[in-house]
């Protein structure tokens, strides 16, 4: 699964979190010192943090850009998996 993003300004870290509809966190990935000003692709295996495949269904995500330890910007959304 690929996630495409573009940061508007410099960031020290980009964190991507994936949740079930019930709010259980399934996965967390981070990119240190991500590129900004251009479209970048983050490849994410459709698996949870424990390696289990994600089941069919709806998932929510939260992407947060950090400036040091402070969240400078965040975006969220939803998608579904159907095999």
Protein backbone atom coordinates (compact mmCIF):
# COMPACT_ATOMS: atom_id res chain seq x y z
CA UNK A 1 0.00 0.00 0.00
CA UNK A 2 1.41 3.40 -0.93
CA UNK A 3 0.70 6.70 0.77
CA UNK A 4 1.53 9.82 -1.20
CA UNK A 5 2.13 13.08 0.63
CA UNK A 6 3.61 16.53 0.18
CA UNK A 7 4.84 18.58 3.12
CA UNK A 8 4.44 22.34 2.78
CA UNK A 9 7.53 23.09 4.86
CA UNK A 10 10.50 21.51 6.61
CA UNK A 11 9.78 18.88 9.22
CA UNK A 12 11.95 16.80 11.53
CA UNK A 13 9.69 13.74 11.39
CA UNK A 14 6.54 12.44 9.73
CA UNK A 15 4.50 9.92 11.71
CA UNK A 16 1.77 7.78 10.14
CA UNK A 17 -0.71 5.92 12.37
CA UNK A 18 -3.35 3.45 11.24
CA UNK A 19 -6.47 2.66 13.32
CA UNK A 20 -9.47 0.35 13.11
CA UNK A 21 -12.95 1.92 13.21
CA UNK A 22 -13.09 1.00 16.91
CA UNK A 23 -9.94 3.09 17.56
CA UNK A 24 -7.42 0.28 17.99
CA UNK A 25 -4.01 1.34 16.67
CA UNK A 26 -2.86 -1.22 14.13
CA UNK A 27 0.34 0.30 12.81
CA UNK A 28 2.75 3.19 13.26
CA UNK A 29 5.49 4.23 10.85
CA UNK A 30 7.83 7.23 10.97
CA UNK A 31 10.11 8.97 8.49
CA UNK A 32 12.94 11.07 9.90
CA UNK A 33 13.79 14.34 8.12
CA UNK A 34 11.28 13.81 5.29
CA UNK A 35 11.57 15.68 1.99
CA UNK A 36 9.26 18.65 1.64
CA UNK A 37 7.85 20.64 -1.27
CA UNK A 38 7.46 17.61 -3.53
CA UNK A 39 5.27 14.53 -3.62
CA UNK A 40 6.86 11.64 -1.72
CA UNK A 41 5.64 8.05 -1.44
CA UNK A 42 5.64 6.11 1.82
CA UNK A 43 5.32 2.37 1.21
CA UNK A 44 3.43 0.64 4.01
CA UNK A 45 2.83 -3.09 4.23
CA UNK A 46 -0.90 -3.76 4.78
CA UNK A 47 -0.09 -5.43 8.11
CA UNK A 48 -0.41 -4.47 11.74
CA UNK A 49 2.56 -3.75 14.02
CA UNK A 50 2.61 -7.45 15.01
CA UNK A 51 2.81 -8.59 11.37
CA UNK A 52 -0.81 -9.74 11.06
CA UNK A 53 -2.49 -8.98 7.70
CA UNK A 54 -5.15 -6.29 7.85
CA UNK A 55 -8.65 -7.71 7.50
CA UNK A 56 -11.23 -6.42 5.04
CA UNK A 57 -12.85 -3.29 6.38
CA UNK A 58 -12.57 0.42 6.98
CA UNK A 59 -9.47 1.99 8.54
CA UNK A 60 -8.61 5.51 9.65
CA UNK A 61 -5.20 7.13 9.41
CA UNK A 62 -3.49 10.10 10.98
CA UNK A 63 -0.36 11.67 9.49
CA UNK A 64 1.51 14.13 11.70
CA UNK A 65 4.44 16.36 10.74
CA UNK A 66 6.70 17.33 13.65
CA UNK A 67 8.88 20.37 14.27
CA UNK A 68 11.13 18.95 16.95
CA UNK A 69 8.78 17.36 19.51
CA UNK A 70 5.80 19.57 18.59
CA UNK A 71 3.16 18.53 16.04
CA UNK A 72 3.33 21.22 13.35
CA UNK A 73 0.59 19.85 11.07
CA UNK A 74 -1.68 16.83 10.86
CA UNK A 75 -4.08 15.27 8.37
CA UNK A 76 -6.44 12.36 8.76
CA UNK A 77 -8.67 10.28 6.56
CA UNK A 78 -10.18 6.88 5.93
CA UNK A 79 -9.82 4.05 3.44
CA UNK A 80 -11.02 0.48 3.13
CA UNK A 81 -9.49 -2.85 2.26
CA UNK A 82 -11.49 -5.26 0.14
CA UNK A 83 -9.88 -8.37 -1.27
